[in-house]
Amino acid sequence: MKGDIGVIGLAVMGQNLILNMNDHGFKVVAFNRTVSKVEEFLEGAAKGTNIIGATSLEDLVAKLEAPRKVMLMVRAGDVVDAFINQLVPLLDKGDIIIDGGNSNYPDTNRRVAELEAKGILYVGSGVSGGEEGARFGPSIMPGGSEAAWPAIKPIFQAISAKTAAGEPCCDWVGKDGAGHFVKMVHNGIEYGDMQLISEAYHFMKSGLELSHDEMQAIFQEWNKTELDSYLVEITAEILGYKDEDGQPLVEKILDTAGQKGTGKWTGINALDLGIPLTLITEAVFARCVSSMKDQRVEAESLFGKTIAKVDGDKQVWVDALRQALLASKIISYAQGFMLIREASEEFNWDLNYGNVALMWRGGCIIRSAFLGNIRDAYEANPEIKFLGSDTYFKDILLSSMPAWRKVASKAMEIGLPMPTMTSALTFLDGYTTASLPANMIQAQRDYFGAHTYERVDQPRGQFFHTNWTGTGGNTASTTYDV
């Protein structure tokens, strides 16, 4: 009997996905560039299963049922292209290559077009959930050649996480690189969530001087509220974890956060598409600042920097912090969906935003209770431009506003950095202000560069230029922009 699907790449994610597929009754053929790892896997974690090993790509392809389905679980970039180039001569028209890594969506766009021209179907699929998700049910976001979906749907939906109602956290996203784009935004929101939580932890630790046991109890309690989410849950567990000497392990971890690029890609795409993804971009920059450890140590001494303590009832502050975190988290998701909507319209992907929220309900790192409310919002109004306009989220943002401002103001006052929580508030203030000072910017641009402006007393789309100095002339600029 031949295999249902082949998987290339036996790192942790690859191995766990294979074991997950095997658990659900699919026969998997496993291959790794370092072939010895195949035998190690078969004699180790895969021992006693129905998993088949392959000794070469030719062997892998020969052991697969048609149409052949080959999933790459390898590092994004040139490695993916190298495997594709080796696989194509071995495959027949109608066979399917799936990239389950974190590829940049323009690469997926290119690969879909190139392979479809050769008769091969290509799927770029985001997979989220880490090791545990891959093993027991990840969130899966496939896009690309839609003709491939009927063949891979039974496998992907079987192995994916399920909502409480039993819905699979996997559905077809859209054509070209839509799946990898949605996964990229997922990772950007993940950056934002993690930074927001770290800022709340910093406020508790340095501002309120709470113990780790107190902070653990707070995060555990928060996880029973609208903040119920995977990242809040694991934060509580991290705060309670003690090192061998009985001290909190988290305080022994160097405060320099790494990154693999998807948050940066999200910010770059937001700039390209003109979407104010302020919170997520600040989260990326916060990691950049964290990497400057030696400079920060020197600068703290140079500036004599200290973080003042927060006076007042600590429980009142903790409740205010919870509301500020919740409101900021809503802005993070709202900005992410603004970017997804803009990309869908720009690239004609026709994405279903409610389905995206559903795919993130379980298995993935940003799984959160209020994703169900996001899905409800889009089902009620698929054309909603800003999630904060939905009644459920608007009510939370409005009711949280006093506490949110209180926390942001106090952080500024005591010198505690809160880049994402404060940028979220600033974004909402800007988005809900009908008249912004950009008229001054337009006047400046017209003054020095004759870039023209629109007038509030004239219809939109009519542009004017003023000879501000009397010597600048009346010719407007039409050839460049500043």
Protein backbone atom coordinates (compact mmCIF):
# COMPACT_ATOMS: atom_id res chain seq x y z
CA MET A 1 0.00 0.00 0.00
CA LYS A 2 1.42 3.39 -1.00
CA GLY A 3 1.59 6.51 1.17
CA ASP A 4 -1.09 9.20 1.34
CA ILE A 5 1.40 12.04 1.73
CA GLY A 6 5.15 12.55 1.87
CA VAL A 7 6.85 14.91 4.31
CA ILE A 8 10.37 16.25 3.77
CA GLY A 9 12.15 17.63 6.84
CA LEU A 10 12.48 15.80 10.15
CA ALA A 11 13.09 18.67 12.55
CA VAL A 12 10.67 18.92 15.47
CA MET A 13 7.74 20.39 13.49
CA GLY A 14 8.12 17.88 10.66
CA GLN A 15 8.33 14.87 12.96
CA ASN A 16 5.34 15.96 15.02
CA LEU A 17 3.17 16.63 11.97
CA ILE A 18 4.02 13.18 10.62
CA LEU A 19 3.09 11.54 13.93
CA ASN A 20 -0.14 13.56 13.99
CA MET A 21 -1.02 12.38 10.48
CA ASN A 22 -0.24 8.78 11.45
CA ASP A 23 -2.52 9.06 14.50
CA HIS A 24 -5.37 10.04 12.17
CA GLY A 25 -4.94 7.00 9.94
CA PHE A 26 -2.89 8.49 7.11
CA LYS A 27 0.11 6.62 5.74
CA VAL A 28 3.05 9.02 5.65
CA VAL A 29 6.35 8.66 3.80
CA ALA A 30 9.16 10.50 5.62
CA PHE A 31 12.38 11.84 4.13
CA ASN A 32 15.21 14.04 5.31
CA ARG A 33 18.16 15.49 3.42
CA THR A 34 20.44 13.87 6.00
CA VAL A 35 19.12 10.37 5.35
CA SER A 36 20.43 8.93 8.62
CA LYS A 37 17.78 10.99 10.43
CA VAL A 38 15.07 8.96 8.68
CA GLU A 39 16.30 5.75 10.26
CA GLU A 40 16.71 7.46 13.65
CA PHE A 41 13.10 8.68 13.42
CA LEU A 42 11.77 5.24 12.44
CA GLU A 43 13.66 3.60 15.29
CA GLY A 44 12.73 6.34 17.74
CA ALA A 45 9.54 8.42 17.89
CA ALA A 46 7.98 6.62 14.91
CA LYS A 47 8.72 3.09 16.12
CA GLY A 48 5.64 0.86 15.95
CA THR A 49 3.74 3.21 13.63
CA ASN A 50 2.73 2.86 9.97
CA ILE A 51 5.17 5.57 8.90
CA ILE A 52 7.32 4.63 5.90
CA GLY A 53 10.89 5.84 5.42
CA ALA A 54 12.40 7.01 2.11
CA THR A 55 16.09 6.90 1.22
CA SER A 56 15.93 9.47 -1.60
CA LEU A 57 13.51 11.84 -3.30
CA GLU A 58 13.03 9.27 -6.05
CA ASP A 59 12.17 6.69 -3.40
CA LEU A 60 9.77 9.12 -1.70
CA VAL A 61 7.88 9.87 -4.92
CA ALA A 62 7.72 6.17 -5.89
CA LYS A 63 6.07 5.31 -2.58
CA LEU A 64 3.22 7.85 -2.92
CA GLU A 65 -0.29 7.33 -4.22
CA ALA A 66 -1.34 9.57 -7.13
CA PRO A 67 -1.92 12.44 -7.11
CA ARG A 68 1.27 12.65 -5.11
CA LYS A 69 1.26 15.08 -2.20
CA VAL A 70 4.68 16.19 -0.93
CA MET A 71 4.91 18.55 2.04
CA LEU A 72 8.10 20.53 2.70
CA MET A 73 8.85 21.24 6.36
CA VAL A 74 12.19 22.95 5.76
CA ARG A 75 13.73 26.37 6.32
CA ALA A 76 12.20 29.15 4.22
CA GLY A 77 14.14 30.59 1.32
CA ASP A 78 16.58 28.92 -1.06
CA VAL A 79 16.14 25.49 0.55
CA VAL A 80 12.48 25.41 -0.55
CA ASP A 81 13.42 26.31 -4.13
CA ALA A 82 16.17 23.69 -4.14
CA PHE A 83 13.76 20.92 -3.14
CA ILE A 84 11.14 22.11 -5.64
CA ASN A 85 13.71 21.99 -8.45
CA GLN A 86 14.66 18.43 -7.49
CA LEU A 87 11.05 17.27 -7.13
CA VAL A 88 9.53 18.67 -10.33
CA PRO A 89 11.29 16.24 -12.72
CA LEU A 90 10.03 13.33 -10.56
CA LEU A 91 6.38 14.41 -10.45
CA ASP A 92 3.48 14.15 -12.90
CA LYS A 93 0.92 16.78 -13.85
CA GLY A 94 -1.65 17.19 -11.11
CA ASP A 95 0.78 16.26 -8.32
CA ILE A 96 0.99 18.63 -5.36
CA ILE A 97 3.88 20.31 -3.53
CA ILE A 98 3.05 21.91 -0.17
CA ASP A 99 5.32 24.37 1.65
CA GLY A 100 4.47 24.24 5.36
CA GLY A 101 7.20 26.65 6.47
CA ASN A 102 7.15 30.40 7.11
CA SER A 103 7.87 31.47 3.54
CA ASN A 104 7.44 35.09 2.52
CA TYR A 105 4.25 35.33 0.47
CA PRO A 106 5.86 36.90 -2.66
CA ASP A 107 7.98 33.73 -2.91
CA THR A 108 4.78 31.68 -2.74
CA ASN A 109 3.18 33.86 -5.44
CA ARG A 110 6.15 33.16 -7.69
CA ARG A 111 6.23 29.43 -7.00
CA VAL A 112 2.48 28.99 -7.62
CA ALA A 113 2.80 30.64 -11.05
CA GLU A 114 5.97 28.76 -12.02
CA LEU A 115 4.67 25.34 -10.99
CA GLU A 116 1.17 25.75 -12.39
CA ALA A 117 2.82 26.52 -15.75
CA LYS A 118 4.42 23.07 -15.49
CA GLY A 119 1.19 21.35 -14.49
CA ILE A 120 2.17 20.98 -10.81
CA LEU A 121 -0.15 22.27 -8.08
CA TYR A 122 1.49 24.31 -5.32
CA VAL A 123 0.21 25.13 -1.84
CA GLY A 124 1.80 27.61 0.56
CA SER A 125 0.42 26.76 3.98
CA GLY A 126 0.97 28.53 7.27
CA VAL A 127 1.20 26.11 10.20
CA SER A 128 0.99 27.53 13.73
CA GLY A 129 1.09 25.98 17.17
CA GLY A 130 4.71 25.10 17.79
CA GLU A 131 5.76 21.59 18.73
CA GLU A 132 2.64 20.74 20.71
CA GLY A 133 0.32 22.11 18.04
CA ALA A 134 2.05 20.17 15.28
CA ARG A 135 1.76 16.97 17.31
CA PHE A 136 -1.81 17.26 18.58
CA GLY A 137 -3.54 19.83 16.35
CA PRO A 138 -2.17 23.01 14.79
CA SER A 139 -3.89 25.89 13.06
CA ILE A 140 -3.33 25.41 9.32
CA MET A 141 -3.73 28.18 6.73
CA PRO A 142 -3.41 26.80 3.16
CA GLY A 143 -3.44 28.91 0.01
CA GLY A 144 -2.18 28.70 -3.58
CA SER A 145 -3.46 26.36 -6.28
CA GLU A 146 -7.09 25.85 -5.27
CA ALA A 147 -7.36 22.70 -7.40
CA ALA A 148 -5.12 21.04 -4.77
CA TRP A 149 -7.55 21.65 -1.90
CA PRO A 150 -9.87 18.64 -2.41
CA ALA A 151 -6.86 16.30 -2.27
CA ILE A 152 -5.28 17.75 0.88
CA LYS A 153 -8.44 18.85 2.72
CA PRO A 154 -9.17 15.46 4.38
CA ILE A 155 -5.63 15.29 5.78
CA PHE A 156 -5.28 18.91 6.88
CA GLN A 157 -8.70 19.21 8.50
CA ALA A 158 -8.27 15.87 10.29
CA ILE A 159 -4.94 16.82 11.88
CA SER A 160 -5.82 20.45 12.67
CA ALA A 161 -7.01 21.75 16.01
CA LYS A 162 -10.78 21.85 16.58
CA THR A 163 -12.95 24.50 18.20
CA ALA A 164 -15.23 23.61 21.11
CA ALA A 165 -17.97 23.08 18.52
CA GLY A 166 -15.76 20.63 16.62
CA GLU A 167 -14.95 22.95 13.71
CA PRO A 168 -11.48 22.37 12.20
CA CYS A 169 -9.06 25.28 12.57
CA CYS A 170 -8.17 24.88 8.93
CA ASP A 171 -9.87 26.03 5.75
CA TRP A 172 -8.86 27.20 2.30
CA VAL A 173 -7.60 30.77 2.59
CA GLY A 174 -7.21 31.93 -1.01
CA LYS A 175 -5.11 31.90 -4.15
CA ASP A 176 -1.38 32.62 -4.62
CA GLY A 177 0.41 33.49 -1.36
CA ALA A 178 -2.77 34.22 0.64
CA GLY A 179 -2.12 31.40 3.13
CA HIS A 180 1.40 32.54 3.89
CA PHE A 181 0.25 36.19 4.07
CA VAL A 182 -2.36 35.30 6.69
CA LYS A 183 0.26 33.31 8.62
CA MET A 184 2.62 36.29 8.43
CA VAL A 185 -0.02 38.57 9.96
CA HIS A 186 -0.73 35.90 12.59
CA ASN A 187 2.93 36.06 13.56
CA GLY A 188 2.82 39.85 13.60
CA ILE A 189 -0.12 39.76 16.02
CA GLU A 190 1.86 37.22 18.03
CA TYR A 191 4.72 39.77 18.30
CA GLY A 192 2.21 42.36 19.51
CA ASP A 193 0.58 40.06 22.06
CA MET A 194 3.89 38.97 23.53
CA GLN A 195 5.17 42.54 23.86
CA LEU A 196 1.90 43.72 25.43
CA ILE A 197 2.07 40.94 28.02
CA SER A 198 5.71 41.70 28.75
CA GLU A 199 4.82 45.37 29.33
CA ALA A 200 2.06 44.38 31.77
CA TYR A 201 4.56 42.11 33.58
CA HIS A 202 7.10 44.96 33.69
CA PHE A 203 4.50 47.36 35.16
CA MET A 204 3.62 44.80 37.85
CA LYS A 205 7.22 43.93 38.68
CA SER A 206 8.96 47.31 38.55
CA GLY A 207 6.06 49.70 39.08
CA LEU A 208 3.90 47.84 41.58
CA GLU A 209 6.75 45.70 43.01
CA LEU A 210 4.62 42.55 43.03
CA SER A 211 6.18 39.18 43.79
CA HIS A 212 6.32 36.46 41.16
CA ASP A 213 3.75 34.43 43.08
CA GLU A 214 1.44 37.46 43.07
CA MET A 215 1.98 38.02 39.35
CA GLN A 216 1.37 34.35 38.60
CA ALA A 217 -1.94 34.47 40.48
CA ILE A 218 -2.96 37.62 38.59
CA PHE A 219 -2.29 36.12 35.16
CA GLN A 220 -4.12 32.95 36.17
CA GLU A 221 -7.11 35.06 37.18
CA TRP A 222 -6.91 37.13 34.00
CA ASN A 223 -7.07 33.93 31.97
CA LYS A 224 -10.59 33.40 33.33
CA THR A 225 -11.73 36.73 31.81
CA GLU A 226 -11.94 38.08 28.24
CA LEU A 227 -8.13 37.78 28.23
CA ASP A 228 -8.44 33.98 28.14
CA SER A 229 -5.68 32.99 25.70
CA TYR A 230 -2.73 30.69 25.21
CA LEU A 231 -0.12 33.41 25.78
CA VAL A 232 -1.70 34.64 29.04
CA GLU A 233 -1.95 31.02 30.19
CA ILE A 234 1.72 30.23 29.57
CA THR A 235 2.80 33.57 31.09
CA ALA A 236 1.26 32.44 34.38
CA GLU A 237 3.12 29.14 34.14
CA ILE A 238 6.41 30.90 33.35
CA LEU A 239 6.04 33.21 36.35
CA GLY A 240 5.53 30.19 38.61
CA TYR A 241 8.49 28.21 37.29
CA LYS A 242 11.43 28.06 39.69
CA ASP A 243 15.07 27.37 38.89
CA GLU A 244 17.06 24.74 40.77
CA ASP A 245 17.84 27.27 43.51
CA GLY A 246 14.15 28.02 44.02
CA GLN A 247 14.30 31.45 42.36
CA PRO A 248 12.06 32.43 39.42
CA LEU A 249 13.75 31.19 36.26
CA VAL A 250 12.38 34.07 34.16
CA GLU A 251 14.61 36.56 36.01
CA LYS A 252 17.71 34.61 34.98
CA ILE A 253 16.91 34.87 31.28
CA LEU A 254 18.81 37.60 29.42
CA ASP A 255 16.48 40.41 28.31
CA THR A 256 17.34 40.31 24.60
CA ALA A 257 14.48 38.99 22.46
CA GLY A 258 15.19 37.19 19.19
CA GLN A 259 13.15 37.24 15.99
CA LYS A 260 13.01 35.26 12.75
CA GLY A 261 11.64 37.92 10.41
CA THR A 262 7.88 37.44 10.11
CA GLY A 263 7.11 40.41 12.38
CA LYS A 264 9.43 42.57 10.29
CA TRP A 265 7.74 41.36 7.08
CA THR A 266 4.35 42.28 8.56
CA GLY A 267 5.55 45.81 9.27
CA ILE A 268 7.11 46.20 5.82
CA ASN A 269 3.91 45.04 4.11
CA ALA A 270 1.85 47.41 6.24
CA LEU A 271 4.03 50.30 5.06
CA ASP A 272 3.78 49.14 1.45
CA LEU A 273 -0.02 48.90 1.67
CA GLY A 274 -0.46 52.10 3.70
CA ILE A 275 -1.96 50.44 6.80
CA PRO A 276 -1.10 52.00 10.22
CA LEU A 277 0.09 48.80 11.89
CA THR A 278 1.55 50.81 14.74
CA LEU A 279 1.31 48.32 17.59
CA ILE A 280 2.90 45.37 15.79
CA THR A 281 5.64 47.55 14.31
CA GLU A 282 6.43 48.91 17.78
CA ALA A 283 6.64 45.32 19.02
CA VAL A 284 9.27 44.58 16.37
CA PHE A 285 11.21 47.72 17.29
CA ALA A 286 10.98 46.77 20.99
CA ARG A 287 12.83 43.55 20.18
CA CYS A 288 15.41 45.61 18.29
CA VAL A 289 15.91 47.84 21.35
CA SER A 290 16.16 44.76 23.58
CA SER A 291 19.03 43.45 21.45
CA MET A 292 21.09 46.55 22.32
CA LYS A 293 21.84 45.18 25.79
CA ASP A 294 25.33 46.60 26.27
CA GLN A 295 24.28 50.01 24.96
CA ARG A 296 21.24 50.03 27.27
CA VAL A 297 23.36 49.20 30.31
CA GLU A 298 25.73 52.06 29.47
CA ALA A 299 22.89 54.49 28.70
CA GLU A 300 21.10 53.72 31.99
CA SER A 301 24.23 54.74 33.85
CA LEU A 302 24.81 57.77 31.63
CA PHE A 303 21.28 59.10 32.13
CA GLY A 304 20.95 57.99 35.77
CA LYS A 305 17.74 56.23 34.76
CA THR A 306 15.45 54.73 37.39
CA ILE A 307 11.85 53.54 37.27
CA ALA A 308 9.77 55.16 40.02
CA LYS A 309 7.33 53.16 42.06
CA VAL A 310 3.56 53.36 41.55
CA ASP A 311 1.66 54.66 44.58
CA GLY A 312 -1.91 53.77 45.46
CA ASP A 313 -4.05 50.67 45.85
CA LYS A 314 -2.27 47.87 43.99
CA GLN A 315 -5.46 45.97 43.26
CA VAL A 316 -6.96 49.06 41.62
CA TRP A 317 -3.85 49.34 39.44
CA VAL A 318 -3.93 45.65 38.56
CA ASP A 319 -7.54 45.94 37.41
CA ALA A 320 -6.67 49.05 35.38
CA LEU A 321 -3.75 47.16 33.83
CA ARG A 322 -6.06 44.28 32.87
CA GLN A 323 -8.38 46.68 31.04
CA ALA A 324 -5.44 48.40 29.32
CA LEU A 325 -4.04 45.05 28.19
CA LEU A 326 -7.42 43.89 26.87
CA ALA A 327 -8.05 47.12 24.95
CA SER A 328 -4.55 47.10 23.48
CA LYS A 329 -4.91 43.46 22.47
CA ILE A 330 -8.12 44.32 20.59
CA ILE A 331 -6.24 47.04 18.69
CA SER A 332 -3.50 44.54 17.79
CA TYR A 333 -6.00 42.16 16.18
CA ALA A 334 -7.95 45.02 14.62
CA GLN A 335 -4.84 46.39 12.92
CA GLY A 336 -3.91 42.89 11.76
CA PHE A 337 -7.30 42.40 10.14
CA MET A 338 -7.05 45.85 8.53
CA LEU A 339 -3.85 44.66 6.85
CA ILE A 340 -5.43 41.36 5.77
CA ARG A 341 -8.42 43.24 4.30
CA GLU A 342 -6.19 45.64 2.37
CA ALA A 343 -4.10 42.77 0.96
CA SER A 344 -7.24 40.86 -0.01
CA GLU A 345 -8.51 43.87 -1.96
CA GLU A 346 -5.11 44.73 -3.44
CA PHE A 347 -4.40 41.20 -4.68
CA ASN A 348 -8.01 40.13 -5.40
CA TRP A 349 -7.83 37.27 -2.90
CA ASP A 350 -11.47 37.55 -1.76
CA LEU A 351 -10.58 36.40 1.76
CA ASN A 352 -13.21 35.35 4.29
CA TYR A 353 -12.21 37.24 7.45
CA GLY A 354 -14.53 35.26 9.70
CA ASN A 355 -12.88 32.04 8.50
CA VAL A 356 -9.46 33.50 9.30
CA ALA A 357 -10.62 34.17 12.86
CA LEU A 358 -11.98 30.62 13.06
CA MET A 359 -8.64 29.17 11.93
CA TRP A 360 -6.96 31.01 14.81
CA ARG A 361 -9.45 29.80 17.45
CA GLY A 362 -7.40 26.72 18.32
CA GLY A 363 -3.96 25.23 17.90
CA CYS A 364 -2.08 28.45 17.15
CA ILE A 365 -0.01 30.69 19.39
CA ILE A 366 -2.48 33.61 19.30
CA ARG A 367 -5.54 31.48 20.04
CA SER A 368 -7.77 33.59 22.20
CA ALA A 369 -11.34 33.49 23.48
CA PHE A 370 -12.40 36.68 21.73
CA LEU A 371 -11.49 35.30 18.29
CA GLY A 372 -15.00 33.86 18.43
CA ASN A 373 -16.29 37.43 18.82
CA ILE A 374 -14.17 38.50 15.83
CA ARG A 375 -15.76 35.76 13.76
CA ASP A 376 -19.21 36.88 14.93
CA ALA A 377 -18.39 40.49 13.98
CA TYR A 378 -17.48 39.52 10.41
CA GLU A 379 -20.46 37.22 10.05
CA ALA A 380 -22.72 40.09 11.10
CA ASN A 381 -20.95 42.55 8.80
CA PRO A 382 -18.38 41.15 6.33
CA GLU A 383 -17.60 44.71 5.18
CA ILE A 384 -16.59 46.07 8.59
CA LYS A 385 -13.36 48.06 8.13
CA PHE A 386 -12.28 48.34 11.78
CA LEU A 387 -13.08 45.67 14.35
CA GLY A 388 -13.34 48.30 17.04
CA SER A 389 -16.51 49.52 15.31
CA ASP A 390 -18.29 46.25 16.14
CA THR A 391 -20.59 46.73 19.13
CA TYR A 392 -18.87 44.09 21.30
CA PHE A 393 -15.38 45.51 20.81
CA LYS A 394 -16.47 49.16 20.81
CA ASP A 395 -18.09 48.70 24.22
CA ILE A 396 -14.90 47.17 25.64
CA LEU A 397 -12.70 49.92 24.19
CA LEU A 398 -14.97 52.68 25.54
CA SER A 399 -15.32 51.15 29.00
CA SER A 400 -11.57 50.46 29.22
CA MET A 401 -10.52 53.93 28.09
CA PRO A 402 -10.18 55.63 31.52
CA ALA A 403 -8.10 52.75 32.93
CA TRP A 404 -6.06 52.54 29.71
CA ARG A 405 -5.20 56.25 29.84
CA LYS A 406 -4.41 55.97 33.54
CA VAL A 407 -1.91 53.15 32.98
CA ALA A 408 -0.33 54.79 29.92
CA SER A 409 0.03 58.12 31.73
CA LYS A 410 1.54 56.51 34.82
CA ALA A 411 4.03 54.54 32.73
CA MET A 412 5.19 57.76 31.07
CA GLU A 413 5.37 59.48 34.45
CA ILE A 414 7.54 56.83 36.13
CA GLY A 415 9.79 56.17 33.11
CA LEU A 416 8.58 52.65 32.35
CA PRO A 417 8.63 51.90 28.60
CA MET A 418 5.29 50.75 27.18
CA PRO A 419 5.71 51.14 23.42
CA THR A 420 2.88 48.90 22.29
CA MET A 421 0.28 49.74 24.92
CA THR A 422 0.75 53.47 24.39
CA SER A 423 0.92 53.23 20.58
CA ALA A 424 -2.37 51.29 20.60
CA LEU A 425 -4.02 54.10 22.51
CA THR A 426 -2.49 56.74 20.24
CA PHE A 427 -3.73 54.86 17.17
CA LEU A 428 -7.29 54.74 18.50
CA ASP A 429 -7.14 58.44 19.38
CA GLY A 430 -6.01 59.19 15.82
CA TYR A 431 -8.51 56.86 14.18
CA THR A 432 -11.41 58.36 16.12
CA THR A 433 -10.40 62.01 15.54
CA ALA A 434 -12.26 63.54 12.59
CA SER A 435 -9.87 66.47 12.20
CA LEU A 436 -6.13 65.75 12.38
CA PRO A 437 -3.23 68.22 11.90
CA ALA A 438 -2.26 66.72 8.53
CA ASN A 439 -3.52 69.95 6.92
CA MET A 440 -0.35 71.58 8.26
CA ILE A 441 1.76 68.80 6.68
CA GLN A 442 0.05 69.36 3.34
CA ALA A 443 0.64 73.10 3.60
CA GLN A 444 4.34 72.47 4.32
CA ARG A 445 4.62 70.04 1.39
CA ASP A 446 3.00 72.55 -0.93
CA TYR A 447 5.18 75.38 0.41
CA PHE A 448 8.53 73.68 -0.19
CA GLY A 449 7.67 71.27 -3.00
CA ALA A 450 4.51 72.51 -4.71
CA HIS A 451 2.88 69.15 -3.95
CA THR A 452 -0.65 70.63 -3.89
CA TYR A 453 -3.48 70.09 -1.42
CA GLU A 454 -7.24 69.52 -1.31
CA ARG A 455 -9.58 72.05 0.34
CA VAL A 456 -12.30 71.40 2.90
CA ASP A 457 -14.59 73.83 1.04
CA GLN A 458 -14.18 72.07 -2.31
CA PRO A 459 -15.05 68.55 -3.54
CA ARG A 460 -12.55 65.75 -2.90
CA GLY A 461 -10.23 65.07 -5.83
CA GLN A 462 -9.62 68.73 -6.72
CA PHE A 463 -6.05 69.84 -6.00
CA PHE A 464 -4.72 73.35 -5.43
CA HIS A 465 -1.34 75.02 -5.20
CA THR A 466 -0.49 78.32 -3.51
CA ASN A 467 2.43 80.61 -4.33
CA TRP A 468 3.19 80.99 -0.59
CA THR A 469 6.15 83.40 -0.93
CA GLY A 470 5.09 85.28 -4.03
CA THR A 471 8.27 84.14 -5.74
CA GLY A 472 7.65 80.41 -6.02
CA GLY A 473 5.52 80.48 -9.12
CA ASN A 474 2.21 78.76 -9.80
CA THR A 475 3.43 75.46 -11.26
CA ALA A 476 2.51 72.41 -9.15
CA SER A 477 4.72 69.36 -8.77
CA THR A 478 3.51 66.27 -10.64
CA THR A 479 6.72 64.29 -11.06
CA TYR A 480 7.83 63.32 -7.56
CA ASP A 481 6.54 62.88 -4.06
CA VAL A 482 8.05 63.63 -0.64
